[in-house]
């Protein structure tokens, strides 16, 4: 009996080995032939006989070679060079023989050696960029070039350039550069709105110093919001999520389709370790193209502003606020505040309205609204459908600019929020009452290199006035186009202060 079992097992092993060999042969067939894979399945019938069941499937993978070859020519390496002041001790670098015998610090040193002396050093960081014109315009992420004293660009063929910064848009994390070279190989813009879930895409960039690196993946989600907007780092969030491998250094690089068309700028890597773990996010090309075109033509972004603050109506939101506000359906965006004299207020929108459609397109996520507005200009007209007291109403809205007007901004326009370098929120009624204030705009976060950072203003500071103009909302900031002479305000502990001589 034991001998029979051994023979049976041996025979079965031979059959399975043959099946595995057949599978390998089929999988290594010529790439231009239909792809088949064989799966060996063991079937034990009632009479203890064994059969091989073969399942054949056809797998057709996309050809990524042309997109990769054309894409790498349009992607550049960007180096951010900053001059920083460091303080270094002017003392001895090596142990003094006198200290060896008598103990450290016993010998008198010249006063100039004991003092710390400031020295200038270069700090370097890197990222990627994408050529969008034959005459040298390049898009990248704003965070790649922030604070740079000099921006250097290396093209795919190894030529080096010092780039000019044309303009930035921190709200979308996009910047536009220019190098003096003709005959470049620009990328062709694609339509990110046409992307489908599961569609193949390529990420091209310079991660970790590895130039012209190409990785592939699929579109995992569209219109993704990560919570950096609405008072965070970004004003607009509607990312394309992919599982293409992206690492530090990919920022500003290209996300392209299998046709080689640009559908996004790789921007954010979501990770607990700082390296890729399966999630990367790109700014859609529909936003990138609008921002780059505006920066090139106007020197600033023509951002269409509706003038409302809003919240997504989720299950959790309904549980907390639905009964109180008489909202029962998980649909649309709840308007929590309407800015005074804004496009929304002039059109007739009110607090507690629920936006359900814009230009006949359903709006259920904040990212959808943000992306739609990001493609429009001040002065553009849209139709907004809202629910109000169980009734549906349609409004014609003429969008405005950041200064509260309907015309396009000029190059001379100063983005006061960007100049101040901070995030804000209106001071709460409780805070205003406690500090005996009538109004105020509270600083929630401060960015590097802005006016507030240089003045050493701390988060929590409540701005009352700038240049003696009262400040109640961010709209009031947009009305100030003069040089900042003074900032008046109060800290939460009641300390009143006026910052002057600002740079």
Protein backbone atom coordinates (compact mmCIF):
# COMPACT_ATOMS: atom_id res chain seq x y z
CA UNK A 1 0.00 0.00 0.00
CA UNK A 2 2.80 2.37 0.87
CA UNK A 3 4.45 1.61 -2.47
CA UNK A 4 1.21 2.48 -4.32
CA UNK A 5 0.95 5.78 -2.48
CA UNK A 6 4.51 6.68 -3.38
CA UNK A 7 3.88 5.82 -7.03
CA UNK A 8 0.66 7.83 -7.06
CA UNK A 9 2.31 10.90 -5.51
CA UNK A 10 5.24 10.65 -7.90
CA UNK A 11 2.95 10.38 -10.90
CA UNK A 12 0.91 13.33 -9.74
CA UNK A 13 4.04 15.43 -9.26
CA UNK A 14 5.13 14.68 -12.80
CA UNK A 15 1.72 15.71 -14.19
CA UNK A 16 1.69 18.96 -12.18
CA UNK A 17 5.27 19.75 -13.21
CA UNK A 18 4.27 19.31 -16.83
CA UNK A 19 1.32 21.60 -16.35
CA UNK A 20 3.53 24.23 -14.71
CA UNK A 21 5.98 23.98 -17.59
CA UNK A 22 3.12 24.48 -20.02
CA UNK A 23 2.08 27.59 -18.10
CA UNK A 24 5.60 29.05 -18.20
CA UNK A 25 5.85 28.40 -21.94
CA UNK A 26 2.56 30.19 -22.55
CA UNK A 27 3.45 33.16 -20.35
CA UNK A 28 6.79 33.65 -22.08
CA UNK A 29 5.32 33.64 -25.56
CA UNK A 30 6.04 36.53 -27.91
CA UNK A 31 4.57 39.81 -26.71
CA UNK A 32 2.71 40.37 -29.98
CA UNK A 33 0.80 37.11 -29.60
CA UNK A 34 -2.38 36.76 -27.50
CA UNK A 35 -1.45 36.25 -23.85
CA UNK A 36 -2.80 33.10 -22.15
CA UNK A 37 -2.21 31.73 -18.68
CA UNK A 38 -2.87 28.17 -17.62
CA UNK A 39 -3.96 27.30 -14.10
CA UNK A 40 -3.60 23.78 -12.84
CA UNK A 41 -6.57 22.64 -10.75
CA UNK A 42 -6.66 19.35 -8.89
CA UNK A 43 -10.07 17.59 -9.05
CA UNK A 44 -10.64 14.48 -6.96
CA UNK A 45 -13.68 12.45 -8.12
CA UNK A 46 -15.51 9.65 -6.34
CA UNK A 47 -13.33 6.92 -7.89
CA UNK A 48 -10.14 8.62 -6.66
CA UNK A 49 -9.02 9.47 -10.20
CA UNK A 50 -7.39 12.86 -10.89
CA UNK A 51 -7.95 15.24 -13.79
CA UNK A 52 -6.30 18.46 -14.97
CA UNK A 53 -8.67 21.35 -15.51
CA UNK A 54 -7.21 24.14 -17.64
CA UNK A 55 -8.59 27.69 -17.50
CA UNK A 56 -7.47 30.10 -20.21
CA UNK A 57 -7.80 33.89 -19.86
CA UNK A 58 -6.71 36.65 -22.18
CA UNK A 59 -4.70 39.52 -20.65
CA UNK A 60 -3.94 42.55 -22.81
CA UNK A 61 -1.63 45.09 -21.19
CA UNK A 62 -1.21 48.59 -22.62
CA UNK A 63 1.93 49.59 -24.49
CA UNK A 64 3.56 52.25 -22.32
CA UNK A 65 6.79 52.67 -24.26
CA UNK A 66 5.84 55.61 -26.49
CA UNK A 67 4.30 57.59 -23.64
CA UNK A 68 7.39 56.98 -21.50
CA UNK A 69 9.85 57.92 -24.25
CA UNK A 70 8.06 61.17 -25.12
CA UNK A 71 7.27 62.01 -21.50
CA UNK A 72 10.83 61.90 -20.17
CA UNK A 73 11.89 64.49 -22.78
CA UNK A 74 9.41 66.96 -21.32
CA UNK A 75 10.30 66.41 -17.64
CA UNK A 76 13.15 68.38 -16.08
CA UNK A 77 15.05 68.31 -12.81
CA UNK A 78 14.67 71.40 -10.62
CA UNK A 79 17.12 72.49 -7.93
CA UNK A 80 16.09 75.00 -5.28
CA UNK A 81 19.11 76.88 -3.90
CA UNK A 82 18.72 79.03 -0.80
CA UNK A 83 21.31 81.10 1.00
CA UNK A 84 20.86 80.73 4.75
CA UNK A 85 22.63 82.27 7.70
CA UNK A 86 24.08 79.80 10.18
CA UNK A 87 25.89 80.62 13.40
CA UNK A 88 28.95 78.58 14.14
CA UNK A 89 31.19 78.71 17.14
CA UNK A 90 34.55 80.26 16.38
CA UNK A 91 36.33 78.10 18.99
CA UNK A 92 38.90 75.39 18.47
CA UNK A 93 38.08 72.48 16.19
CA UNK A 94 40.65 70.19 17.72
CA UNK A 95 41.47 69.42 21.33
CA UNK A 96 44.11 71.76 22.68
CA UNK A 97 47.17 70.09 24.31
CA UNK A 98 46.79 72.55 27.21
CA UNK A 99 43.24 71.22 27.77
CA UNK A 100 44.59 67.67 27.78
CA UNK A 101 46.75 68.34 30.85
CA UNK A 102 44.74 70.97 32.74
CA UNK A 103 41.13 70.33 31.69
CA UNK A 104 38.94 71.86 28.98
CA UNK A 105 38.28 75.59 28.87
CA UNK A 106 41.14 76.63 31.20
CA UNK A 107 43.16 78.56 28.65
CA UNK A 108 42.07 82.11 27.73
CA UNK A 109 40.85 82.45 24.09
CA UNK A 110 40.77 85.60 22.04
CA UNK A 111 37.37 87.26 22.35
CA UNK A 112 36.63 87.04 18.63
CA UNK A 113 37.12 83.26 18.73
CA UNK A 114 34.75 82.77 21.62
CA UNK A 115 31.92 84.61 19.91
CA UNK A 116 29.69 82.95 17.36
CA UNK A 117 30.06 84.31 13.85
CA UNK A 118 27.30 84.11 11.22
CA UNK A 119 28.17 82.35 7.99
CA UNK A 120 26.25 81.99 4.75
CA UNK A 121 25.64 78.49 3.49
CA UNK A 122 23.67 77.09 0.59
CA UNK A 123 20.70 74.86 1.26
CA UNK A 124 19.64 72.71 -1.70
CA UNK A 125 16.47 70.77 -2.39
CA UNK A 126 15.13 69.21 -5.53
CA UNK A 127 12.03 68.33 -7.48
CA UNK A 128 10.69 67.98 -10.98
CA UNK A 129 9.03 70.15 -13.61
CA UNK A 130 7.26 69.76 -16.95
CA UNK A 131 8.01 71.67 -20.16
CA UNK A 132 4.76 73.04 -21.62
CA UNK A 133 6.09 75.16 -24.51
CA UNK A 134 8.90 75.00 -27.05
CA UNK A 135 10.24 78.36 -25.86
CA UNK A 136 10.92 77.28 -22.28
CA UNK A 137 7.88 77.62 -20.03
CA UNK A 138 7.85 75.00 -17.27
CA UNK A 139 5.21 74.12 -14.67
CA UNK A 140 6.11 72.68 -11.28
CA UNK A 141 4.82 72.70 -7.71
CA UNK A 142 5.00 75.89 -5.70
CA UNK A 143 6.49 74.00 -2.74
CA UNK A 144 9.39 72.85 -4.95
CA UNK A 145 10.63 76.43 -5.48
CA UNK A 146 9.39 78.18 -2.31
CA UNK A 147 12.07 80.37 -0.73
CA UNK A 148 14.56 79.87 -3.57
CA UNK A 149 17.28 82.45 -4.14
CA UNK A 150 18.19 80.66 -7.35
CA UNK A 151 16.34 78.03 -9.39
CA UNK A 152 18.36 75.73 -11.61
CA UNK A 153 16.87 73.48 -14.27
CA UNK A 154 18.46 70.47 -15.96
CA UNK A 155 16.70 69.23 -19.10
CA UNK A 156 16.55 65.59 -20.19
CA UNK A 157 19.54 66.05 -22.51
CA UNK A 158 21.69 67.39 -19.66
CA UNK A 159 21.66 71.09 -20.50
CA UNK A 160 21.66 73.38 -17.46
CA UNK A 161 19.79 76.65 -17.03
CA UNK A 162 19.05 79.27 -14.39
CA UNK A 163 15.27 79.69 -14.43
CA UNK A 164 13.17 82.82 -13.99
CA UNK A 165 10.16 82.58 -11.71
CA UNK A 166 7.18 83.87 -13.71
CA UNK A 167 4.61 83.44 -10.95
CA UNK A 168 3.18 81.19 -8.26
CA UNK A 169 -0.23 80.10 -7.05
CA UNK A 170 0.06 78.65 -3.53
CA UNK A 171 -3.68 77.95 -3.54
CA UNK A 172 -3.19 75.14 -6.05
CA UNK A 173 0.53 74.56 -5.34
CA UNK A 174 1.45 75.42 -8.94
CA UNK A 175 4.34 77.61 -10.13
CA UNK A 176 5.45 78.71 -13.60
CA UNK A 177 9.12 79.01 -14.59
CA UNK A 178 10.90 80.18 -17.76
CA UNK A 179 14.25 79.14 -19.21
CA UNK A 180 15.93 80.73 -22.23
CA UNK A 181 16.00 77.89 -24.72
CA UNK A 182 14.16 77.25 -27.99
CA UNK A 183 13.16 74.02 -29.69
CA UNK A 184 12.26 72.13 -26.54
CA UNK A 185 9.97 69.08 -26.50
CA UNK A 186 6.85 70.15 -24.61
CA UNK A 187 4.19 67.83 -23.32
CA UNK A 188 0.70 67.94 -24.81
CA UNK A 189 -2.08 68.81 -22.38
CA UNK A 190 -4.79 66.20 -22.03
CA UNK A 191 -8.25 66.56 -20.52
CA UNK A 192 -8.20 65.33 -16.92
CA UNK A 193 -12.01 65.46 -16.86
CA UNK A 194 -12.07 62.50 -19.26
CA UNK A 195 -10.01 60.24 -16.98
CA UNK A 196 -11.75 57.06 -15.87
CA UNK A 197 -11.22 54.99 -12.75
CA UNK A 198 -8.88 52.11 -13.51
CA UNK A 199 -7.27 53.91 -16.48
CA UNK A 200 -3.53 53.41 -16.87
CA UNK A 201 -1.26 56.40 -16.19
CA UNK A 202 2.49 57.02 -15.89
CA UNK A 203 4.28 59.14 -13.30
CA UNK A 204 7.50 60.71 -14.60
CA UNK A 205 9.97 62.60 -12.41
CA UNK A 206 13.27 62.64 -10.56
CA UNK A 207 12.70 60.81 -7.25
CA UNK A 208 15.59 60.65 -4.80
CA UNK A 209 18.01 62.03 -7.39
CA UNK A 210 17.15 59.34 -9.96
CA UNK A 211 16.52 61.36 -13.11
CA UNK A 212 13.90 60.46 -15.73
CA UNK A 213 12.22 57.77 -13.66
CA UNK A 214 8.99 56.33 -15.06
CA UNK A 215 6.47 54.34 -13.01
CA UNK A 216 3.02 53.09 -13.98
CA UNK A 217 -0.27 52.63 -12.19
CA UNK A 218 -3.97 53.26 -12.50
CA UNK A 219 -6.33 56.09 -11.58
CA UNK A 220 -7.58 55.09 -8.13
CA UNK A 221 -9.89 58.06 -7.46
CA UNK A 222 -10.84 61.49 -8.81
CA UNK A 223 -11.83 64.67 -7.02
CA UNK A 224 -9.98 63.59 -3.88
CA UNK A 225 -9.78 66.06 -1.00
CA UNK A 226 -7.10 65.58 1.67
CA UNK A 227 -8.11 68.29 4.11
CA UNK A 228 -5.38 70.80 3.25
CA UNK A 229 -7.91 73.37 1.97
CA UNK A 230 -10.46 75.52 3.80
CA UNK A 231 -7.94 77.27 6.04
CA UNK A 232 -5.08 74.85 5.35
CA UNK A 233 -2.17 74.97 2.90
CA UNK A 234 -4.30 74.84 -0.25
CA UNK A 235 -7.35 76.81 -1.36
CA UNK A 236 -8.37 74.25 -3.98
CA UNK A 237 -8.28 70.48 -3.60
CA UNK A 238 -9.51 68.08 -6.25
CA UNK A 239 -6.68 65.60 -6.69
CA UNK A 240 -6.28 62.65 -9.00
CA UNK A 241 -5.27 59.68 -6.85
CA UNK A 242 -3.09 56.99 -8.41
CA UNK A 243 -1.09 53.98 -7.29
CA UNK A 244 1.86 54.86 -9.55
CA UNK A 245 5.00 54.87 -7.40
CA UNK A 246 5.92 58.42 -6.35
CA UNK A 247 8.70 59.37 -3.93
CA UNK A 248 10.36 62.60 -2.71
CA UNK A 249 11.67 64.40 -5.80
CA UNK A 250 8.65 63.47 -7.93
CA UNK A 251 6.86 66.68 -6.89
CA UNK A 252 6.19 68.82 -9.94
CA UNK A 253 6.59 65.90 -12.31
CA UNK A 254 4.19 64.67 -14.97
CA UNK A 255 1.23 62.33 -14.77
CA UNK A 256 0.49 61.23 -18.33
CA UNK A 257 -1.87 58.87 -20.11
CA UNK A 258 -0.77 55.97 -22.33
CA UNK A 259 -1.03 58.46 -25.23
CA UNK A 260 1.57 60.66 -23.53
CA UNK A 261 -0.85 63.50 -22.74
CA UNK A 262 -0.43 65.43 -19.50
CA UNK A 263 -3.38 64.92 -17.13
CA UNK A 264 -1.79 66.01 -13.86
CA UNK A 265 1.17 67.38 -11.91
CA UNK A 266 2.31 64.99 -9.18
CA UNK A 267 2.09 66.93 -5.93
CA UNK A 268 1.48 64.98 -2.74
CA UNK A 269 2.71 61.69 -1.37
CA UNK A 270 0.51 60.44 1.46
CA UNK A 271 2.67 58.34 3.74
CA UNK A 272 3.52 57.77 7.38
CA UNK A 273 7.15 57.11 6.49
CA UNK A 274 7.91 59.80 3.92
CA UNK A 275 8.28 57.18 1.18
CA UNK A 276 5.76 55.61 -1.14
CA UNK A 277 3.20 53.25 0.41
CA UNK A 278 0.63 53.16 -2.36
CA UNK A 279 -0.99 56.60 -2.46
CA UNK A 280 0.01 59.60 -4.58
CA UNK A 281 -1.97 62.63 -5.69
CA UNK A 282 -1.77 64.96 -8.69
CA UNK A 283 -3.29 68.36 -9.49
CA UNK A 284 -5.57 67.84 -12.53
CA UNK A 285 -4.39 69.27 -15.84
CA UNK A 286 -7.64 71.24 -16.17
CA UNK A 287 -6.52 73.34 -13.20
CA UNK A 288 -2.81 73.37 -14.12
CA UNK A 289 -3.46 74.67 -17.63
CA UNK A 290 -5.70 77.50 -16.37
CA UNK A 291 -3.23 78.55 -13.66
CA UNK A 292 -0.20 78.45 -15.99
CA UNK A 293 -2.05 80.41 -18.68
CA UNK A 294 -3.11 83.07 -16.18
CA UNK A 295 0.37 83.44 -14.70
CA UNK A 296 1.86 83.76 -18.16
CA UNK A 297 -0.68 86.32 -19.39
CA UNK A 298 -1.57 88.30 -16.27
CA UNK A 299 1.18 87.56 -13.75
CA UNK A 300 -1.52 86.45 -11.29
CA UNK A 301 -4.27 83.82 -11.24
CA UNK A 302 -7.75 84.99 -12.21
CA UNK A 303 -9.56 83.12 -9.46
CA UNK A 304 -13.35 83.14 -9.58
CA UNK A 305 -14.76 83.60 -6.10
CA UNK A 306 -18.30 82.64 -5.07
CA UNK A 307 -18.06 84.01 -1.53
CA UNK A 308 -19.45 81.24 0.67
CA UNK A 309 -18.13 78.82 3.26
CA UNK A 310 -19.63 75.37 3.00
CA UNK A 311 -19.64 71.84 4.42
CA UNK A 312 -20.20 68.47 2.81
CA UNK A 313 -23.43 66.83 4.01
CA UNK A 314 -22.20 63.44 5.19
CA UNK A 315 -23.88 60.86 7.43
CA UNK A 316 -21.93 62.21 10.40
CA UNK A 317 -22.94 65.78 9.51
CA UNK A 318 -26.60 64.78 9.34
CA UNK A 319 -26.42 63.10 12.72
CA UNK A 320 -24.94 66.25 14.30
CA UNK A 321 -26.81 69.03 12.52
CA UNK A 322 -29.52 67.56 10.32
CA UNK A 323 -32.39 67.64 12.81
CA UNK A 324 -31.56 71.16 14.01
CA UNK A 325 -31.39 72.53 10.44
CA UNK A 326 -34.26 70.40 9.10
CA UNK A 327 -31.99 68.69 6.54
CA UNK A 328 -32.67 64.98 6.06
CA UNK A 329 -30.97 64.03 2.77
CA UNK A 330 -27.28 63.37 2.18
CA UNK A 331 -27.10 65.65 -0.82
CA UNK A 332 -25.15 68.77 -1.78
CA UNK A 333 -23.10 71.33 0.15
CA UNK A 334 -24.44 73.23 3.14
CA UNK A 335 -23.74 76.99 3.11
CA UNK A 336 -22.57 78.00 6.57
CA UNK A 337 -21.71 81.61 5.77
CA UNK A 338 -22.22 84.08 2.92
CA UNK A 339 -19.57 86.80 2.61
CA UNK A 340 -20.88 90.35 2.58
CA UNK A 341 -21.07 91.91 -0.94
CA UNK A 342 -19.89 88.66 -2.50
CA UNK A 343 -21.14 87.14 -5.74
CA UNK A 344 -23.29 84.73 -3.74
CA UNK A 345 -24.93 87.44 -1.62
CA UNK A 346 -25.64 89.70 -4.60
CA UNK A 347 -27.28 86.77 -6.43
CA UNK A 348 -29.50 85.98 -3.44
CA UNK A 349 -27.89 82.92 -1.84
CA UNK A 350 -28.31 82.67 1.92
CA UNK A 351 -26.87 80.91 4.94
CA UNK A 352 -28.49 77.46 5.41
CA UNK A 353 -29.06 77.00 1.65
CA UNK A 354 -27.86 73.67 0.24
CA UNK A 355 -26.08 73.80 -3.15
CA UNK A 356 -27.15 70.77 -5.20
CA UNK A 357 -26.21 71.74 -8.79
CA UNK A 358 -23.96 74.13 -10.68
CA UNK A 359 -24.62 74.51 -14.40
CA UNK A 360 -26.77 71.33 -14.25
CA UNK A 361 -23.90 69.30 -12.74
CA UNK A 362 -24.59 67.56 -9.45
CA UNK A 363 -22.43 68.85 -6.60
CA UNK A 364 -21.98 66.46 -3.68
CA UNK A 365 -18.35 67.04 -2.71
CA UNK A 366 -16.38 70.19 -1.93
CA UNK A 367 -13.68 69.08 -4.39
CA UNK A 368 -16.22 69.15 -7.24
CA UNK A 369 -17.22 72.75 -6.46
CA UNK A 370 -13.60 73.85 -6.04
CA UNK A 371 -12.49 72.30 -9.33
CA UNK A 372 -15.42 73.81 -11.23
CA UNK A 373 -14.69 77.30 -9.91
CA UNK A 374 -10.95 76.89 -10.52
CA UNK A 375 -11.60 76.66 -14.27
CA UNK A 376 -13.62 79.89 -14.38
CA UNK A 377 -12.77 83.61 -14.43
CA UNK A 378 -14.17 86.63 -12.59
CA UNK A 379 -17.14 87.89 -14.56
CA UNK A 380 -18.21 84.41 -15.71
CA UNK A 381 -21.86 83.59 -15.13
CA UNK A 382 -23.08 80.31 -13.64
CA UNK A 383 -26.42 78.86 -12.59
CA UNK A 384 -26.66 77.48 -9.04
CA UNK A 385 -29.54 75.33 -7.87
CA UNK A 386 -30.12 75.20 -4.11
CA UNK A 387 -32.55 73.70 -1.66
CA UNK A 388 -34.13 76.18 0.72
CA UNK A 389 -36.86 75.21 3.20
CA UNK A 390 -37.73 72.05 1.21
CA UNK A 391 -38.03 74.09 -2.01
CA UNK A 392 -35.69 74.15 -5.00
CA UNK A 393 -34.50 77.55 -6.28
CA UNK A 394 -32.29 78.49 -9.24
CA UNK A 395 -29.97 81.53 -9.13
CA UNK A 396 -27.93 83.31 -11.80
CA UNK A 397 -24.54 84.19 -10.28
CA UNK A 398 -21.85 86.44 -11.72
CA UNK A 399 -18.54 85.40 -10.17
CA UNK A 400 -16.16 87.98 -8.72
CA UNK A 401 -12.40 88.26 -8.19
CA UNK A 402 -10.56 88.18 -4.88
CA UNK A 403 -10.98 91.93 -4.53
CA UNK A 404 -14.77 91.55 -4.75
CA UNK A 405 -15.10 92.92 -8.29
CA UNK A 406 -16.26 91.32 -11.53
CA UNK A 407 -13.35 92.36 -13.76
CA UNK A 408 -10.06 90.54 -14.30
CA UNK A 409 -7.13 91.42 -12.06
CA UNK A 410 -4.13 93.29 -13.42
CA UNK A 411 -0.48 92.40 -12.95
CA UNK A 412 -0.25 95.16 -10.36
CA UNK A 413 -2.70 93.37 -8.09
CA UNK A 414 -1.16 92.27 -4.79
CA UNK A 415 -2.51 89.08 -3.23
CA UNK A 416 -2.53 90.28 0.37
CA UNK A 417 -3.11 86.83 1.84
CA UNK A 418 -0.13 85.47 -0.05
CA UNK A 419 1.97 88.50 0.90
CA UNK A 420 1.13 88.10 4.58
CA UNK A 421 1.89 84.39 4.32
CA UNK A 422 -0.77 83.00 6.62
CA UNK A 423 -4.10 81.25 6.96
CA UNK A 424 -7.04 83.00 8.60
CA UNK A 425 -10.48 82.46 10.07
CA UNK A 426 -12.98 85.03 11.35
CA UNK A 427 -12.68 85.43 15.13
CA UNK A 428 -15.57 83.73 16.93
CA UNK A 429 -18.27 85.76 18.65
CA UNK A 430 -17.15 84.41 22.03
CA UNK A 431 -13.57 85.52 21.39
CA UNK A 432 -14.64 88.97 20.25
CA UNK A 433 -16.89 89.38 23.28
CA UNK A 434 -14.19 88.24 25.70
CA UNK A 435 -11.64 90.65 24.22
CA UNK A 436 -14.22 93.42 23.78
CA UNK A 437 -13.69 93.62 20.02
CA UNK A 438 -16.25 94.40 17.33
CA UNK A 439 -14.47 92.47 14.60
CA UNK A 440 -11.24 90.66 13.78
CA UNK A 441 -9.55 88.07 11.56
CA UNK A 442 -7.62 85.43 13.47
CA UNK A 443 -4.33 83.94 12.26
CA UNK A 444 -4.49 80.13 12.33
CA UNK A 445 -1.22 79.24 10.59
CA UNK A 446 1.89 81.11 9.41
CA UNK A 447 4.02 80.18 6.39
CA UNK A 448 7.71 80.83 5.91
CA UNK A 449 8.97 83.99 4.19
CA UNK A 450 5.70 85.94 4.57
CA UNK A 451 5.32 89.35 6.20
CA UNK A 452 3.86 87.87 9.39
CA UNK A 453 6.67 85.33 9.74
CA UNK A 454 9.32 88.02 9.33
CA UNK A 455 7.54 90.20 11.92
CA UNK A 456 7.47 87.20 14.29
CA UNK A 457 3.69 87.27 14.57
CA UNK A 458 2.40 84.15 16.33
CA UNK A 459 -0.65 82.01 15.44
CA UNK A 460 -3.73 83.12 17.38
CA UNK A 461 -3.12 86.82 16.71
CA UNK A 462 -6.36 88.62 15.81
CA UNK A 463 -5.88 91.27 13.13
CA UNK A 464 -8.09 94.31 13.71
CA UNK A 465 -6.71 96.62 11.02
CA UNK A 466 -4.03 96.85 8.33
CA UNK A 467 -2.85 100.33 7.35
CA UNK A 468 -5.70 101.61 9.55
CA UNK A 469 -8.30 99.81 7.39
CA UNK A 470 -10.63 97.60 9.44
CA UNK A 471 -10.32 93.86 8.76
CA UNK A 472 -13.33 91.62 9.30
CA UNK A 473 -12.94 88.87 6.66
CA UNK A 474 -10.44 87.72 4.05
CA UNK A 475 -12.40 89.79 1.54
CA UNK A 476 -11.22 92.89 3.40
CA UNK A 477 -7.62 91.75 2.89
CA UNK A 478 -8.16 91.71 -0.87
CA UNK A 479 -9.22 95.36 -0.79
CA UNK A 480 -5.76 96.50 0.38
CA UNK A 481 -3.35 97.03 -2.49
CA UNK A 482 -0.90 99.38 -0.77
CA UNK A 483 2.39 98.50 0.85
CA UNK A 484 1.81 97.16 4.36
CA UNK A 485 2.80 99.88 6.81
CA UNK A 486 1.18 98.60 10.01
CA UNK A 487 -0.79 95.65 11.39
CA UNK A 488 -2.91 96.25 14.46
CA UNK A 489 -4.33 93.47 16.58
CA UNK A 490 -4.73 91.53 19.82
CA UNK A 491 -3.44 88.19 21.07
CA UNK A 492 -5.87 85.80 22.83
CA UNK A 493 -4.38 86.75 26.22
CA UNK A 494 -5.51 90.34 25.64
CA UNK A 495 -2.12 91.79 24.70
CA UNK A 496 -2.61 94.62 22.20
CA UNK A 497 0.19 95.25 19.71
CA UNK A 498 0.89 97.19 16.52
CA UNK A 499 3.51 95.76 14.14
CA UNK A 500 5.30 98.43 12.10
CA UNK A 501 8.31 98.81 9.80
CA UNK A 502 7.25 95.64 7.96
CA UNK A 503 9.13 94.24 5.01
